[in-house]
N, C-alpha and C. Protein backbone atom coordinates (compact mmCIF):
# COMPACT_ATOMS: atom_id res chain seq x y z
N MET A 1 -24.88 -113.46 2.63
CA MET A 1 -23.45 -113.62 2.78
C MET A 1 -22.77 -112.50 3.49
N ARG A 2 -21.67 -112.72 4.17
CA ARG A 2 -20.95 -111.78 4.91
C ARG A 2 -20.27 -110.82 3.97
N ASN A 3 -20.08 -109.71 4.51
CA ASN A 3 -19.34 -108.66 3.63
C ASN A 3 -17.71 -108.72 3.94
N GLU A 4 -16.87 -108.36 2.84
CA GLU A 4 -15.32 -108.61 3.04
C GLU A 4 -14.90 -107.89 4.34
N GLN A 5 -15.43 -106.86 4.77
CA GLN A 5 -14.89 -106.03 5.99
C GLN A 5 -15.05 -106.97 7.16
N GLU A 6 -16.26 -107.58 7.38
CA GLU A 6 -16.43 -108.52 8.56
C GLU A 6 -15.72 -109.83 8.48
N ILE A 7 -15.62 -110.28 7.27
CA ILE A 7 -14.61 -111.41 7.10
C ILE A 7 -13.21 -111.04 7.50
N ARG A 8 -12.84 -109.96 6.81
CA ARG A 8 -11.38 -109.34 7.30
C ARG A 8 -11.11 -109.28 8.57
N ALA A 9 -12.16 -108.55 9.21
CA ALA A 9 -12.18 -108.39 10.65
C ALA A 9 -11.94 -109.56 11.62
N LEU A 10 -12.74 -110.80 11.19
CA LEU A 10 -12.55 -111.76 11.98
C LEU A 10 -11.29 -112.51 11.73
N LYS A 11 -10.81 -112.46 10.57
CA LYS A 11 -9.49 -112.99 10.20
C LYS A 11 -8.54 -112.55 10.69
N GLU A 12 -8.55 -111.11 10.81
CA GLU A 12 -7.48 -110.34 11.72
C GLU A 12 -7.49 -110.74 13.12
N GLU A 13 -8.70 -110.78 13.70
CA GLU A 13 -8.66 -111.11 15.32
C GLU A 13 -8.23 -112.43 15.55
N LEU A 14 -8.66 -113.51 14.77
CA LEU A 14 -8.09 -114.78 14.79
C LEU A 14 -6.55 -114.80 14.74
N ALA A 15 -5.99 -114.18 13.87
CA ALA A 15 -4.57 -114.14 13.42
C ALA A 15 -3.98 -113.66 14.67
N ARG A 16 -4.41 -112.52 15.32
CA ARG A 16 -3.78 -111.97 16.59
C ARG A 16 -3.90 -112.89 17.78
N LEU A 17 -5.04 -113.50 17.95
CA LEU A 17 -5.29 -114.55 19.03
C LEU A 17 -4.27 -115.72 18.93
N ASN A 18 -4.31 -116.22 17.61
CA ASN A 18 -3.50 -117.49 17.21
C ASN A 18 -1.88 -117.07 17.44
N GLY A 19 -1.50 -115.95 16.91
CA GLY A 19 -0.15 -115.47 17.04
C GLY A 19 0.25 -115.46 18.58
N PHE A 20 -0.74 -114.81 19.29
CA PHE A 20 -0.23 -114.56 20.63
C PHE A 20 -0.13 -115.98 21.49
N ILE A 21 -1.00 -116.95 21.05
CA ILE A 21 -1.00 -118.32 21.64
C ILE A 21 0.25 -119.03 21.29
N GLY A 22 0.50 -118.97 20.02
CA GLY A 22 1.65 -119.62 19.46
C GLY A 22 2.82 -119.14 19.95
N GLU A 23 3.12 -117.78 20.23
CA GLU A 23 4.16 -117.23 20.74
C GLU A 23 4.42 -117.36 22.17
N HIS A 24 3.38 -117.45 23.05
CA HIS A 24 3.49 -117.54 24.41
C HIS A 24 2.73 -118.73 25.01
N GLY A 25 2.18 -119.50 24.35
CA GLY A 25 1.33 -120.43 24.89
C GLY A 25 2.20 -121.78 25.35
N SER A 26 1.60 -122.61 26.04
CA SER A 26 2.27 -123.99 26.17
C SER A 26 1.66 -125.17 25.31
N ALA A 27 2.35 -126.30 25.46
CA ALA A 27 2.09 -127.22 24.57
C ALA A 27 0.63 -127.82 24.76
N LYS A 28 0.19 -127.77 25.78
CA LYS A 28 -1.23 -128.00 26.18
C LYS A 28 -2.23 -126.97 25.20
N GLN A 29 -1.74 -125.77 25.28
CA GLN A 29 -2.68 -124.77 24.70
C GLN A 29 -2.52 -124.89 23.02
N PHE A 30 -1.32 -125.38 22.58
CA PHE A 30 -1.24 -125.69 21.31
C PHE A 30 -1.94 -126.77 20.66
N GLY A 31 -2.31 -127.80 21.45
CA GLY A 31 -3.15 -129.13 21.16
C GLY A 31 -4.63 -128.76 21.54
N ASN A 32 -4.82 -127.46 22.07
CA ASN A 32 -6.33 -127.22 22.35
C ASN A 32 -7.19 -127.25 21.10
N ARG A 33 -8.23 -127.83 21.08
CA ARG A 33 -9.22 -128.03 19.80
C ARG A 33 -9.71 -126.61 19.40
N ASP A 34 -9.77 -125.74 20.21
CA ASP A 34 -10.24 -124.32 19.86
C ASP A 34 -9.14 -123.53 19.10
N TYR A 35 -8.08 -123.82 19.50
CA TYR A 35 -6.85 -123.11 18.99
C TYR A 35 -6.63 -123.66 17.43
N LEU A 36 -6.75 -125.03 17.52
CA LEU A 36 -6.37 -125.57 16.29
C LEU A 36 -7.34 -125.39 15.11
N PHE A 37 -8.70 -125.26 15.70
CA PHE A 37 -9.77 -124.95 14.67
C PHE A 37 -9.69 -123.58 14.19
N SER A 38 -9.28 -122.56 15.17
CA SER A 38 -9.23 -121.20 14.81
C SER A 38 -8.13 -121.12 13.71
N ARG A 39 -6.99 -121.67 13.97
CA ARG A 39 -5.92 -121.57 12.92
C ARG A 39 -6.60 -122.15 11.52
N ILE A 40 -7.04 -123.27 11.44
CA ILE A 40 -7.91 -123.59 10.31
C ILE A 40 -8.72 -122.63 9.67
N ILE A 41 -9.50 -122.03 10.45
CA ILE A 41 -10.48 -121.04 9.87
C ILE A 41 -9.64 -119.77 9.25
N CYS A 42 -8.70 -119.54 10.13
CA CYS A 42 -8.02 -118.37 9.61
C CYS A 42 -7.23 -118.47 8.40
N HIS A 43 -6.75 -119.76 8.13
CA HIS A 43 -6.32 -120.18 6.79
C HIS A 43 -7.12 -120.20 5.70
N ALA A 44 -8.26 -120.58 6.01
CA ALA A 44 -9.49 -120.60 4.93
C ALA A 44 -9.89 -119.28 4.61
N LEU A 45 -10.11 -118.37 5.63
CA LEU A 45 -10.40 -117.04 5.42
C LEU A 45 -9.40 -116.26 4.54
N SER A 46 -8.08 -116.67 4.90
CA SER A 46 -6.99 -116.01 4.11
C SER A 46 -7.18 -116.43 2.62
N TRP A 47 -7.53 -117.70 2.31
CA TRP A 47 -7.88 -118.00 1.04
C TRP A 47 -8.94 -117.46 0.39
N PHE A 48 -9.93 -117.34 1.14
CA PHE A 48 -11.20 -116.81 0.77
C PHE A 48 -10.99 -115.22 0.39
N LEU A 49 -10.18 -114.60 0.97
CA LEU A 49 -9.90 -113.21 0.80
C LEU A 49 -8.74 -112.95 -0.24
N GLY A 50 -8.37 -114.02 -0.88
CA GLY A 50 -7.12 -113.98 -1.90
C GLY A 50 -5.98 -113.72 -1.31
N GLU A 51 -5.61 -113.84 -0.12
CA GLU A 51 -4.28 -113.61 0.43
C GLU A 51 -3.44 -114.83 0.18
N ILE A 52 -3.94 -116.01 0.04
CA ILE A 52 -3.06 -117.05 -0.60
C ILE A 52 -3.87 -117.73 -1.64
N SER A 53 -3.03 -118.23 -2.72
CA SER A 53 -3.57 -118.99 -3.82
C SER A 53 -4.11 -120.24 -3.54
N THR A 54 -5.13 -120.70 -4.47
CA THR A 54 -5.79 -121.89 -4.41
C THR A 54 -4.75 -122.96 -4.28
N ASP A 55 -3.66 -123.11 -5.14
CA ASP A 55 -2.63 -124.11 -5.07
C ASP A 55 -1.88 -124.19 -3.58
N GLN A 56 -1.61 -122.97 -3.11
CA GLN A 56 -0.98 -122.85 -1.87
C GLN A 56 -1.99 -123.58 -0.67
N PHE A 57 -3.22 -123.10 -0.91
CA PHE A 57 -4.29 -123.64 0.16
C PHE A 57 -4.43 -125.07 0.05
N ARG A 58 -4.35 -125.74 -1.24
CA ARG A 58 -4.67 -127.07 -1.24
C ARG A 58 -3.25 -127.91 -0.91
N SER A 59 -2.04 -127.24 -0.80
CA SER A 59 -0.83 -127.75 -0.49
C SER A 59 -0.83 -128.28 0.96
N ASP A 60 0.38 -129.11 1.27
CA ASP A 60 0.53 -129.71 2.72
C ASP A 60 0.72 -128.61 3.54
N THR A 61 0.83 -127.26 3.20
CA THR A 61 1.05 -126.35 4.01
C THR A 61 -0.28 -125.89 4.79
N HIS A 62 -1.39 -126.24 4.27
CA HIS A 62 -2.96 -125.91 4.65
C HIS A 62 -3.54 -127.07 4.78
N ILE A 63 -4.33 -127.54 3.75
CA ILE A 63 -5.47 -128.59 3.80
C ILE A 63 -4.74 -129.87 3.33
N ASN A 64 -3.86 -129.95 2.53
CA ASN A 64 -3.15 -131.10 2.09
C ASN A 64 -4.19 -131.96 1.43
N ILE A 65 -4.70 -131.60 0.25
CA ILE A 65 -5.57 -132.44 -0.55
C ILE A 65 -4.88 -133.72 -1.16
N GLU A 66 -3.68 -133.64 -1.23
CA GLU A 66 -3.13 -135.11 -1.64
C GLU A 66 -3.06 -136.02 -0.54
N ARG A 67 -2.83 -135.71 0.74
CA ARG A 67 -2.96 -136.59 1.80
C ARG A 67 -4.54 -136.97 1.88
N LEU A 68 -5.39 -136.37 1.82
CA LEU A 68 -6.84 -136.85 1.72
C LEU A 68 -6.92 -137.88 0.56
N TYR A 69 -6.34 -137.69 -0.48
CA TYR A 69 -6.56 -138.69 -1.88
C TYR A 69 -5.76 -139.92 -1.29
N GLU A 70 -4.74 -139.76 -0.46
CA GLU A 70 -4.09 -140.95 0.11
C GLU A 70 -4.99 -141.83 0.94
N GLN A 71 -5.60 -140.97 1.83
CA GLN A 71 -6.57 -141.74 2.69
C GLN A 71 -7.79 -142.31 1.81
N ILE A 72 -8.29 -141.76 0.93
CA ILE A 72 -9.12 -142.21 0.08
C ILE A 72 -8.79 -143.77 -0.59
N ARG A 73 -7.52 -143.62 -1.21
CA ARG A 73 -6.96 -144.93 -1.75
C ARG A 73 -7.03 -145.82 -0.75
N ALA A 74 -6.59 -145.64 0.49
CA ALA A 74 -6.60 -146.75 1.55
C ALA A 74 -7.87 -147.16 1.73
N ILE A 75 -8.77 -146.39 2.01
CA ILE A 75 -10.23 -146.59 2.08
C ILE A 75 -10.67 -147.54 1.13
N GLU A 76 -10.45 -147.29 -0.25
CA GLU A 76 -11.01 -148.24 -1.40
C GLU A 76 -10.30 -149.43 -1.48
N THR A 77 -9.02 -149.42 -0.96
CA THR A 77 -8.19 -150.76 -0.91
C THR A 77 -9.00 -151.63 0.14
N THR A 78 -9.24 -151.03 1.37
CA THR A 78 -9.61 -151.89 2.52
C THR A 78 -11.25 -152.25 2.43
N THR A 79 -11.93 -151.50 1.83
CA THR A 79 -13.31 -151.49 2.08
C THR A 79 -13.83 -151.87 0.53
N GLY A 80 -13.03 -151.73 -0.52
CA GLY A 80 -13.77 -151.80 -1.78
C GLY A 80 -14.66 -150.75 -2.42
N LYS A 81 -15.13 -149.93 -1.51
CA LYS A 81 -15.74 -148.79 -1.71
C LYS A 81 -15.11 -147.77 -2.58
N LYS A 82 -15.77 -146.96 -3.49
CA LYS A 82 -15.01 -146.14 -4.38
C LYS A 82 -15.60 -144.74 -4.31
N LEU A 83 -14.44 -143.74 -4.19
CA LEU A 83 -15.05 -142.55 -4.23
C LEU A 83 -15.90 -141.99 -5.39
N THR A 84 -15.52 -142.43 -6.61
CA THR A 84 -16.20 -142.24 -7.82
C THR A 84 -17.85 -142.74 -7.62
N ASP A 85 -18.17 -143.83 -6.69
CA ASP A 85 -19.50 -144.07 -6.58
C ASP A 85 -20.12 -143.18 -5.34
N TYR A 86 -19.57 -142.37 -4.75
CA TYR A 86 -20.03 -141.53 -3.83
C TYR A 86 -20.57 -140.23 -4.11
N GLU A 87 -21.75 -139.93 -3.58
CA GLU A 87 -22.69 -138.80 -3.80
C GLU A 87 -22.56 -137.92 -2.63
């Protein structure tokens, strides 16, 4: 397992890079896969480090658990497959 100092250093580096791109980048750069992924990782590391609550992390600000459940309900309706049967 990584130590907290290493995790915090990576999170701070990503936050700095993301902030610079967010402030000075173009629409093309905002849509870049690497930029989007690094933002997601930065949020996850913030949660892991206790900087944001689990409720906030699960909210539409971050991973939006409720929207995932909406997608599950749509899949269940269209396919007949059930999440409760999925392992």
